[in-house]
Amino acid sequence: MENWLNKYDNNGMQVWVEVPPASKKGNHIPPKIHKIKCKMIIKDVSASTMYDVIHDGQYRKKWDPTMLESFDIARLSANADVGYYSWICPKPIKNRDVVTLRSWEVKDDEYTIMNFSVKHSKYPPRSDLVRAISILTGYFIKPTGPNSCTFIYLSQADPKGSLPKWVVNKASHVLAPRVMKCVHKAGQNYPEWKQQNSPDQKPWLFPEQNTLPMMDPAQLSIQRADSLENVDESSKVDAQDSEDSS
């Protein structure tokens, strides 16, 4: 993969980040757009279960270590909706949130979920969070057997602001592998949890179960990065390092 740098490779899990091409002076210009790709070989959970885990909003509260708040806003069609998600960033960086249009498809036993940022009049940027941009984020889950799969996560995002290098490094070396491990463990535990929590309720598979209000897509517009405030956090020091050195 051209310009992709492998940052983590351990126990069937790999993480790559895209490195911007060097300028004419030979310097790497810090990118505004952050691209990350994660791949995990899962040997003990089916593709269909991992797909359910990513969709199930109730269950996400149980396993997602970075989530602050997450909820669905409205549906656009049988396989598309709009939702809100906010997450915890490494201290002292401000936490982020997004409003995204999400769509999904199951085809030939392959599972795809994609999202990108949209503007919704009832969910403007908040003063206590930085509104980030998902240019394109997705999951691709492919079975390798009845109880095994390849799980791929790819994100192209603008965190809105100048982030210090340690944040970018921490995201690929520490945070992404940690979240992927949590996703895998969530897949292992999901069948038992789901048995106790509305086992037949899966609106992502059965659209007739969806009780979200319908919304006209014309009420949404694509969220352009240049219409949001940039936050310069490039001089922030990792709070964990500060604690370790004190």
C-alpha atoms as a PDB file:
ATOM      1  CA  MET A   1       0.000   0.000   0.000  1.00  0.00           C
ATOM      2  CA  GLU A   2       1.600   3.210  -1.175  1.00  0.00           C
ATOM      3  CA  ASN A   3       2.262   5.739   1.602  1.00  0.00           C
ATOM      4  CA  TRP A   4       0.807   3.352   4.213  1.00  0.00           C
ATOM      5  CA  LEU A   5       3.032   2.639   7.195  1.00  0.00           C
ATOM      6  CA  ASN A   6       2.521  -0.433   9.370  1.00  0.00           C
ATOM      7  CA  LYS A   7       2.400   0.779  12.991  1.00  0.00           C
ATOM      8  CA  TYR A   8       1.253  -2.378  14.769  1.00  0.00           C
ATOM      9  CA  ASP A   9       1.449  -6.085  13.935  1.00  0.00           C
ATOM     10  CA  ASN A  10       0.718  -8.592  16.674  1.00  0.00           C
ATOM     11  CA  ASN A  11      -1.483 -11.674  17.216  1.00  0.00           C
ATOM     12  CA  GLY A  12      -3.308 -11.422  13.890  1.00  0.00           C
ATOM     13  CA  MET A  13      -3.976  -7.695  14.286  1.00  0.00           C
ATOM     14  CA  GLN A  14      -2.420  -5.006  12.097  1.00  0.00           C
ATOM     15  CA  VAL A  15      -2.718  -1.225  12.049  1.00  0.00           C
ATOM     16  CA  TRP A  16      -1.555   1.074   9.252  1.00  0.00           C
ATOM     17  CA  VAL A  17      -1.575   4.854   8.942  1.00  0.00           C
ATOM     18  CA  GLU A  18      -1.167   6.831   5.768  1.00  0.00           C
ATOM     19  CA  VAL A  19       1.958   8.967   5.765  1.00  0.00           C
ATOM     20  CA  PRO A  20       1.714  12.097   3.612  1.00  0.00           C
ATOM     21  CA  PRO A  21       4.266  12.316   0.795  1.00  0.00           C
ATOM     22  CA  ALA A  22       7.335  14.395   1.606  1.00  0.00           C
ATOM     23  CA  SER A  23       7.428  17.981   0.391  1.00  0.00           C
ATOM     24  CA  LYS A  24      10.082  19.206  -2.057  1.00  0.00           C
ATOM     25  CA  LYS A  25      12.228  20.148   0.952  1.00  0.00           C
ATOM     26  CA  GLY A  26      12.003  16.565   2.193  1.00  0.00           C
ATOM     27  CA  ASN A  27       9.772  17.420   5.167  1.00  0.00           C
ATOM     28  CA  HIS A  28       6.591  15.599   6.027  1.00  0.00           C
ATOM     29  CA  ILE A  29       3.747  18.093   6.379  1.00  0.00           C
ATOM     30  CA  PRO A  30       1.419  17.049   9.233  1.00  0.00           C
ATOM     31  CA  PRO A  31      -1.821  15.949   7.571  1.00  0.00           C
ATOM     32  CA  LYS A  32      -5.187  17.528   8.317  1.00  0.00           C
ATOM     33  CA  ILE A  33      -6.825  14.318   7.201  1.00  0.00           C
ATOM     34  CA  HIS A  34      -5.979  11.256   9.267  1.00  0.00           C
ATOM     35  CA  LYS A  35      -6.253   7.865   7.578  1.00  0.00           C
ATOM     36  CA  ILE A  36      -6.035   4.629   9.531  1.00  0.00           C
ATOM     37  CA  LYS A  37      -6.646   1.018   8.559  1.00  0.00           C
ATOM     38  CA  CYS A  38      -7.029  -1.880  11.007  1.00  0.00           C
ATOM     39  CA  LYS A  39      -7.255  -5.557  10.126  1.00  0.00           C
ATOM     40  CA  MET A  40      -7.974  -8.364  12.548  1.00  0.00           C
ATOM     41  CA  ILE A  41      -8.014 -12.112  11.932  1.00  0.00           C
ATOM     42  CA  ILE A  42     -10.735 -13.518  14.197  1.00  0.00           C
ATOM     43  CA  LYS A  43     -10.675 -17.270  14.728  1.00  0.00           C
ATOM     44  CA  ASP A  44     -13.523 -17.748  17.214  1.00  0.00           C
ATOM     45  CA  VAL A  45     -16.396 -15.414  16.204  1.00  0.00           C
ATOM     46  CA  SER A  46     -18.559 -15.529  13.080  1.00  0.00           C
ATOM     47  CA  ALA A  47     -18.795 -12.641  10.602  1.00  0.00           C
ATOM     48  CA  SER A  48     -22.535 -12.302  11.275  1.00  0.00           C
ATOM     49  CA  THR A  49     -21.936 -11.892  15.029  1.00  0.00           C
ATOM     50  CA  MET A  50     -19.270  -9.213  14.491  1.00  0.00           C
ATOM     51  CA  TYR A  51     -21.688  -7.399  12.173  1.00  0.00           C
ATOM     52  CA  ASP A  52     -24.371  -7.473  14.895  1.00  0.00           C
ATOM     53  CA  VAL A  53     -21.873  -6.145  17.457  1.00  0.00           C
ATOM     54  CA  ILE A  54     -21.070  -3.067  15.343  1.00  0.00           C
ATOM     55  CA  HIS A  55     -24.774  -2.343  14.774  1.00  0.00           C
ATOM     56  CA  ASP A  56     -26.159  -2.956  18.254  1.00  0.00           C
ATOM     57  CA  GLY A  57     -26.269   0.445  19.947  1.00  0.00           C
ATOM     58  CA  GLN A  58     -27.415  -0.944  23.295  1.00  0.00           C
ATOM     59  CA  TYR A  59     -24.517  -3.367  23.403  1.00  0.00           C
ATOM     60  CA  ARG A  60     -21.975  -0.727  22.390  1.00  0.00           C
ATOM     61  CA  LYS A  61     -22.391   0.918  25.767  1.00  0.00           C
ATOM     62  CA  LYS A  62     -21.064  -2.304  27.292  1.00  0.00           C
ATOM     63  CA  TRP A  63     -17.857  -2.665  25.309  1.00  0.00           C
ATOM     64  CA  ASP A  64     -16.720   0.613  23.676  1.00  0.00           C
ATOM     65  CA  PRO A  65     -13.999   2.094  25.951  1.00  0.00           C
ATOM     66  CA  THR A  66     -13.858   5.450  24.145  1.00  0.00           C
ATOM     67  CA  MET A  67     -17.588   6.189  23.800  1.00  0.00           C
ATOM     68  CA  LEU A  68     -19.124   9.154  25.606  1.00  0.00           C
ATOM     69  CA  GLU A  69     -22.575   9.125  24.019  1.00  0.00           C
ATOM     70  CA  SER A  70     -24.168   7.409  21.055  1.00  0.00           C
ATOM     71  CA  PHE A  71     -27.718   7.388  19.691  1.00  0.00           C
ATOM     72  CA  ASP A  72     -29.654   7.017  16.446  1.00  0.00           C
ATOM     73  CA  ILE A  73     -31.533  10.107  15.249  1.00  0.00           C
ATOM     74  CA  ALA A  74     -33.664   9.005  12.293  1.00  0.00           C
ATOM     75  CA  ARG A  75     -33.832   6.509   9.450  1.00  0.00           C
ATOM     76  CA  LEU A  76     -33.557   7.415   5.805  1.00  0.00           C
ATOM     77  CA  SER A  77     -34.325   4.024   4.269  1.00  0.00           C
ATOM     78  CA  ALA A  78     -34.350   0.314   5.137  1.00  0.00           C
ATOM     79  CA  ASN A  79     -30.536   0.309   5.267  1.00  0.00           C
ATOM     80  CA  ALA A  80     -29.544   3.880   6.128  1.00  0.00           C
ATOM     81  CA  ASP A  81     -29.857   6.094   9.186  1.00  0.00           C
ATOM     82  CA  VAL A  82     -28.433   9.200  10.846  1.00  0.00           C
ATOM     83  CA  GLY A  83     -26.751   9.038  14.228  1.00  0.00           C
ATOM     84  CA  TYR A  84     -24.690  10.891  16.805  1.00  0.00           C
ATOM     85  CA  TYR A  85     -21.467   9.662  18.417  1.00  0.00           C
ATOM     86  CA  SER A  86     -19.043  11.349  20.819  1.00  0.00           C
ATOM     87  CA  TRP A  87     -15.813   9.912  22.161  1.00  0.00           C
ATOM     88  CA  ILE A  88     -13.074  10.429  24.726  1.00  0.00           C
ATOM     89  CA  CYS A  89      -9.707  11.715  23.484  1.00  0.00           C
ATOM     90  CA  PRO A  90      -6.393  11.298  25.353  1.00  0.00           C
ATOM     91  CA  LYS A  91      -6.076  14.009  28.023  1.00  0.00           C
ATOM     92  CA  PRO A  92      -5.653  16.970  27.737  1.00  0.00           C
ATOM     93  CA  ILE A  93      -7.035  16.917  24.164  1.00  0.00           C
ATOM     94  CA  LYS A  94     -10.694  17.980  23.898  1.00  0.00           C
ATOM     95  CA  ASN A  95     -13.203  15.229  23.276  1.00  0.00           C
ATOM     96  CA  ARG A  96     -14.768  14.931  19.793  1.00  0.00           C
ATOM     97  CA  ASP A  97     -18.172  14.205  18.306  1.00  0.00           C
ATOM     98  CA  VAL A  98     -19.698  13.498  14.886  1.00  0.00           C
ATOM     99  CA  VAL A  99     -23.110  13.364  13.243  1.00  0.00           C
ATOM    100  CA  THR A 100     -23.028  10.777  10.472  1.00  0.00           C
ATOM    101  CA  LEU A 101     -25.138   9.187   7.787  1.00  0.00           C
ATOM    102  CA  ARG A 102     -24.631   5.425   7.960  1.00  0.00           C
ATOM    103  CA  SER A 103     -25.564   2.766   5.433  1.00  0.00           C
ATOM    104  CA  TRP A 104     -25.064  -0.990   5.413  1.00  0.00           C
ATOM    105  CA  GLU A 105     -25.264  -3.985   3.138  1.00  0.00           C
ATOM    106  CA  VAL A 106     -25.024  -7.763   3.351  1.00  0.00           C
ATOM    107  CA  LYS A 107     -24.025  -9.370   0.070  1.00  0.00           C
ATOM    108  CA  ASP A 108     -22.729 -12.893  -0.561  1.00  0.00           C
ATOM    109  CA  ASP A 109     -22.076 -13.304   3.190  1.00  0.00           C
ATOM    110  CA  GLU A 110     -19.880 -10.190   3.172  1.00  0.00           C
ATOM    111  CA  TYR A 111     -20.870  -7.390   5.528  1.00  0.00           C
ATOM    112  CA  THR A 112     -20.248  -3.686   4.886  1.00  0.00           C
ATOM    113  CA  ILE A 113     -21.063  -0.642   7.033  1.00  0.00           C
ATOM    114  CA  MET A 114     -20.098   2.876   5.856  1.00  0.00           C
ATOM    115  CA  ASN A 115     -20.599   6.369   7.244  1.00  0.00           C
ATOM    116  CA  PHE A 116     -19.767  10.001   6.491  1.00  0.00           C
ATOM    117  CA  SER A 117     -20.430  13.293   8.283  1.00  0.00           C
ATOM    118  CA  VAL A 118     -23.601  15.280   7.687  1.00  0.00           C
ATOM    119  CA  LYS A 119     -25.123  18.492   9.037  1.00  0.00           C
ATOM    120  CA  HIS A 120     -28.336  18.141  11.024  1.00  0.00           C
ATOM    121  CA  SER A 121     -30.084  21.346  12.146  1.00  0.00           C
ATOM    122  CA  LYS A 122     -31.095  19.877  15.516  1.00  0.00           C
ATOM    123  CA  TYR A 123     -27.568  18.673  16.343  1.00  0.00           C
ATOM    124  CA  PRO A 124     -25.169  21.608  15.791  1.00  0.00           C
ATOM    125  CA  PRO A 125     -21.602  21.620  17.183  1.00  0.00           C
ATOM    126  CA  ARG A 126     -21.433  21.822  20.969  1.00  0.00           C
ATOM    127  CA  SER A 127     -19.205  24.195  22.955  1.00  0.00           C
ATOM    128  CA  ASP A 128     -17.814  21.413  25.177  1.00  0.00           C
ATOM    129  CA  LEU A 129     -16.762  19.176  22.251  1.00  0.00           C
ATOM    130  CA  VAL A 130     -14.890  19.586  18.971  1.00  0.00           C
ATOM    131  CA  ARG A 131     -17.030  18.569  15.984  1.00  0.00           C
ATOM    132  CA  ALA A 132     -14.882  16.231  13.900  1.00  0.00           C
ATOM    133  CA  ILE A 133     -15.488  15.062  10.329  1.00  0.00           C
ATOM    134  CA  SER A 134     -15.824  11.512   9.075  1.00  0.00           C
ATOM    135  CA  ILE A 135     -14.946  11.893   5.407  1.00  0.00           C
ATOM    136  CA  LEU A 136     -15.470   8.166   4.946  1.00  0.00           C
ATOM    137  CA  THR A 137     -15.360   5.471   7.610  1.00  0.00           C
ATOM    138  CA  GLY A 138     -16.254   1.834   7.191  1.00  0.00           C
ATOM    139  CA  TYR A 139     -16.190  -1.772   8.324  1.00  0.00           C
ATOM    140  CA  PHE A 140     -15.819  -4.777   6.059  1.00  0.00           C
ATOM    141  CA  ILE A 141     -16.342  -8.220   7.565  1.00  0.00           C
ATOM    142  CA  LYS A 142     -15.689 -11.355   5.528  1.00  0.00           C
ATOM    143  CA  PRO A 143     -16.234 -14.915   6.780  1.00  0.00           C
ATOM    144  CA  THR A 144     -13.293 -17.320   6.644  1.00  0.00           C
ATOM    145  CA  GLY A 145     -15.308 -20.198   8.147  1.00  0.00           C
ATOM    146  CA  PRO A 146     -18.544 -20.796  10.076  1.00  0.00           C
ATOM    147  CA  ASN A 147     -17.053 -19.290  13.236  1.00  0.00           C
ATOM    148  CA  SER A 148     -14.189 -17.135  11.968  1.00  0.00           C
ATOM    149  CA  CYS A 149     -13.732 -13.976   9.901  1.00  0.00           C
ATOM    150  CA  THR A 150     -11.511 -11.163   8.723  1.00  0.00           C
ATOM    151  CA  PHE A 151     -12.519  -7.825  10.264  1.00  0.00           C
ATOM    152  CA  ILE A 152     -11.356  -4.607   8.572  1.00  0.00           C
ATOM    153  CA  TYR A 153     -11.856  -1.032   9.789  1.00  0.00           C
ATOM    154  CA  LEU A 154     -10.865   1.931   7.642  1.00  0.00           C
ATOM    155  CA  SER A 155     -11.264   5.591   8.574  1.00  0.00           C
ATOM    156  CA  GLN A 156     -10.534   8.809   6.753  1.00  0.00           C
ATOM    157  CA  ALA A 157     -11.271  11.627   9.172  1.00  0.00           C
ATOM    158  CA  ASP A 158     -10.524  15.243   9.963  1.00  0.00           C
ATOM    159  CA  PRO A 159     -10.281  15.674  13.757  1.00  0.00           C
ATOM    160  CA  LYS A 160     -10.562  19.466  13.233  1.00  0.00           C
ATOM    161  CA  GLY A 161      -7.415  20.894  14.667  1.00  0.00           C
ATOM    162  CA  SER A 162      -3.673  20.598  14.843  1.00  0.00           C
ATOM    163  CA  LEU A 163      -3.002  17.547  16.954  1.00  0.00           C
ATOM    164  CA  PRO A 164       0.391  16.927  18.564  1.00  0.00           C
ATOM    165  CA  LYS A 165       2.412  14.063  17.115  1.00  0.00           C
ATOM    166  CA  TRP A 166       2.060  11.989  20.302  1.00  0.00           C
ATOM    167  CA  VAL A 167      -1.734  11.878  19.831  1.00  0.00           C
ATOM    168  CA  VAL A 168      -1.409  10.538  16.297  1.00  0.00           C
ATOM    169  CA  ASN A 169       1.190   7.982  17.446  1.00  0.00           C
ATOM    170  CA  LYS A 170      -0.898   6.953  20.438  1.00  0.00           C
ATOM    171  CA  ALA A 171      -3.950   6.497  18.209  1.00  0.00           C
ATOM    172  CA  SER A 172      -2.172   3.955  16.012  1.00  0.00           C
ATOM    173  CA  HIS A 173       0.111   2.264  18.569  1.00  0.00           C
ATOM    174  CA  VAL A 174      -2.188   2.078  21.587  1.00  0.00           C
ATOM    175  CA  LEU A 175      -5.773   3.231  21.089  1.00  0.00           C
ATOM    176  CA  ALA A 176      -6.627   1.453  17.808  1.00  0.00           C
ATOM    177  CA  PRO A 177      -5.280  -1.955  18.973  1.00  0.00           C
ATOM    178  CA  ARG A 178      -7.067  -1.512  22.319  1.00  0.00           C
ATOM    179  CA  VAL A 179     -10.397  -0.774  20.637  1.00  0.00           C
ATOM    180  CA  MET A 180      -9.962  -3.676  18.194  1.00  0.00           C
ATOM    181  CA  LYS A 181      -9.282  -6.039  21.116  1.00  0.00           C
ATOM    182  CA  CYS A 182     -12.434  -4.722  22.790  1.00  0.00           C
ATOM    183  CA  VAL A 183     -14.429  -5.322  19.574  1.00  0.00           C
ATOM    184  CA  HIS A 184     -13.141  -8.899  19.413  1.00  0.00           C
ATOM    185  CA  LYS A 185     -13.985  -9.563  23.068  1.00  0.00           C
ATOM    186  CA  ALA A 186     -17.399  -7.977  22.481  1.00  0.00           C
ATOM    187  CA  GLY A 187     -17.960 -10.466  19.655  1.00  0.00           C
ATOM    188  CA  GLN A 188     -17.061 -13.369  21.950  1.00  0.00           C
ATOM    189  CA  ASN A 189     -19.541 -12.205  24.599  1.00  0.00           C
ATOM    190  CA  TYR A 190     -22.356 -10.960  22.337  1.00  0.00           C
ATOM    191  CA  PRO A 191     -24.403 -14.180  21.823  1.00  0.00           C
ATOM    192  CA  GLU A 192     -24.791 -14.676  25.590  1.00  0.00           C
ATOM    193  CA  TRP A 193     -25.599 -10.986  26.201  1.00  0.00           C
ATOM    194  CA  LYS A 194     -28.080 -10.828  23.320  1.00  0.00           C
ATOM    195  CA  GLN A 195     -29.897 -13.906  24.630  1.00  0.00           C
ATOM    196  CA  GLN A 196     -30.780 -11.839  27.720  1.00  0.00           C
ATOM    197  CA  ASN A 197     -31.478  -8.559  25.870  1.00  0.00           C
ATOM    198  CA  SER A 198     -34.247  -8.618  23.239  1.00  0.00           C
ATOM    199  CA  PRO A 199     -32.786 -11.604  21.350  1.00  0.00           C
ATOM    200  CA  ASP A 200     -35.169 -11.239  18.402  1.00  0.00           C
ATOM    201  CA  GLN A 201     -34.689  -7.473  18.048  1.00  0.00           C
ATOM    202  CA  LYS A 202     -32.240  -6.745  15.215  1.00  0.00           C
ATOM    203  CA  PRO A 203     -33.599  -3.847  13.136  1.00  0.00           C
ATOM    204  CA  TRP A 204     -30.397  -3.742  11.052  1.00  0.00           C
ATOM    205  CA  LEU A 205     -31.419  -7.176   9.715  1.00  0.00           C
ATOM    206  CA  PHE A 206     -35.212  -6.748   9.965  1.00  0.00           C
ATOM    207  CA  PRO A 207     -36.163  -3.182   8.892  1.00  0.00           C
ATOM    208  CA  GLU A 208     -39.781  -3.689   9.939  1.00  0.00           C
ATOM    209  CA  GLN A 209     -38.557  -3.654  13.578  1.00  0.00           C
ATOM    210  CA  ASN A 210     -37.098  -0.147  13.208  1.00  0.00           C
ATOM    211  CA  THR A 211     -39.068   2.395  15.253  1.00  0.00           C
ATOM    212  CA  LEU A 212     -36.927   5.445  14.400  1.00  0.00           C
ATOM    213  CA  PRO A 213     -38.800   8.319  12.721  1.00  0.00           C
ATOM    214  CA  MET A 214     -38.379   8.557   8.956  1.00  0.00           C
ATOM    215  CA  MET A 215     -36.439  11.559   7.674  1.00  0.00           C
ATOM    216  CA  ASP A 216     -36.141  13.098   4.244  1.00  0.00           C
ATOM    217  CA  PRO A 217     -32.451  13.005   3.162  1.00  0.00           C
ATOM    218  CA  ALA A 218     -32.989  16.480   1.654  1.00  0.00           C
ATOM    219  CA  GLN A 219     -33.005  17.845   5.220  1.00  0.00           C
ATOM    220  CA  LEU A 220     -29.340  16.864   5.528  1.00  0.00           C
ATOM    221  CA  SER A 221     -26.250  18.281   3.893  1.00  0.00           C
ATOM    222  CA  ILE A 222     -22.673  17.006   3.789  1.00  0.00           C
ATOM    223  CA  GLN A 223     -20.613  18.487   6.610  1.00  0.00           C
ATOM    224  CA  ARG A 224     -17.752  20.436   5.038  1.00  0.00           C
ATOM    225  CA  ALA A 225     -14.604  20.621   7.122  1.00  0.00           C
ATOM    226  CA  ASP A 226     -13.897  24.258   6.294  1.00  0.00           C
ATOM    227  CA  SER A 227     -17.183  25.394   7.884  1.00  0.00           C
ATOM    228  CA  LEU A 228     -16.078  24.188  11.325  1.00  0.00           C
ATOM    229  CA  GLU A 229     -13.649  25.760  13.770  1.00  0.00           C
ATOM    230  CA  ASN A 230     -10.085  24.459  13.864  1.00  0.00           C
ATOM    231  CA  VAL A 231      -8.612  23.924  17.317  1.00  0.00           C
ATOM    232  CA  ASP A 232      -4.847  24.182  17.745  1.00  0.00           C
ATOM    233  CA  GLU A 233      -3.837  21.571  20.309  1.00  0.00           C
ATOM    234  CA  SER A 234      -0.404  20.876  18.839  1.00  0.00           C
ATOM    235  CA  SER A 235       1.456  22.045  21.967  1.00  0.00           C
ATOM    236  CA  LYS A 236      -0.529  19.872  24.404  1.00  0.00           C
ATOM    237  CA  VAL A 237       1.487  17.312  26.361  1.00  0.00           C
ATOM    238  CA  ASP A 238       0.260  13.776  27.051  1.00  0.00           C
ATOM    239  CA  ALA A 239      -1.331  13.855  30.520  1.00  0.00           C
ATOM    240  CA  GLN A 240      -0.234  10.262  31.083  1.00  0.00           C
ATOM    241  CA  ASP A 241       3.388  11.199  30.452  1.00  0.00           C
ATOM    242  CA  SER A 242       3.073  14.185  32.792  1.00  0.00           C
ATOM    243  CA  GLU A 243       1.777  11.913  35.549  1.00  0.00           C
ATOM    244  CA  ASP A 244       4.525   9.382  34.918  1.00  0.00           C
ATOM    245  CA  SER A 245       7.273  11.992  35.156  1.00  0.00           C
ATOM    246  CA  SER A 246       5.953  13.694  38.288  1.00  0.00           C
END
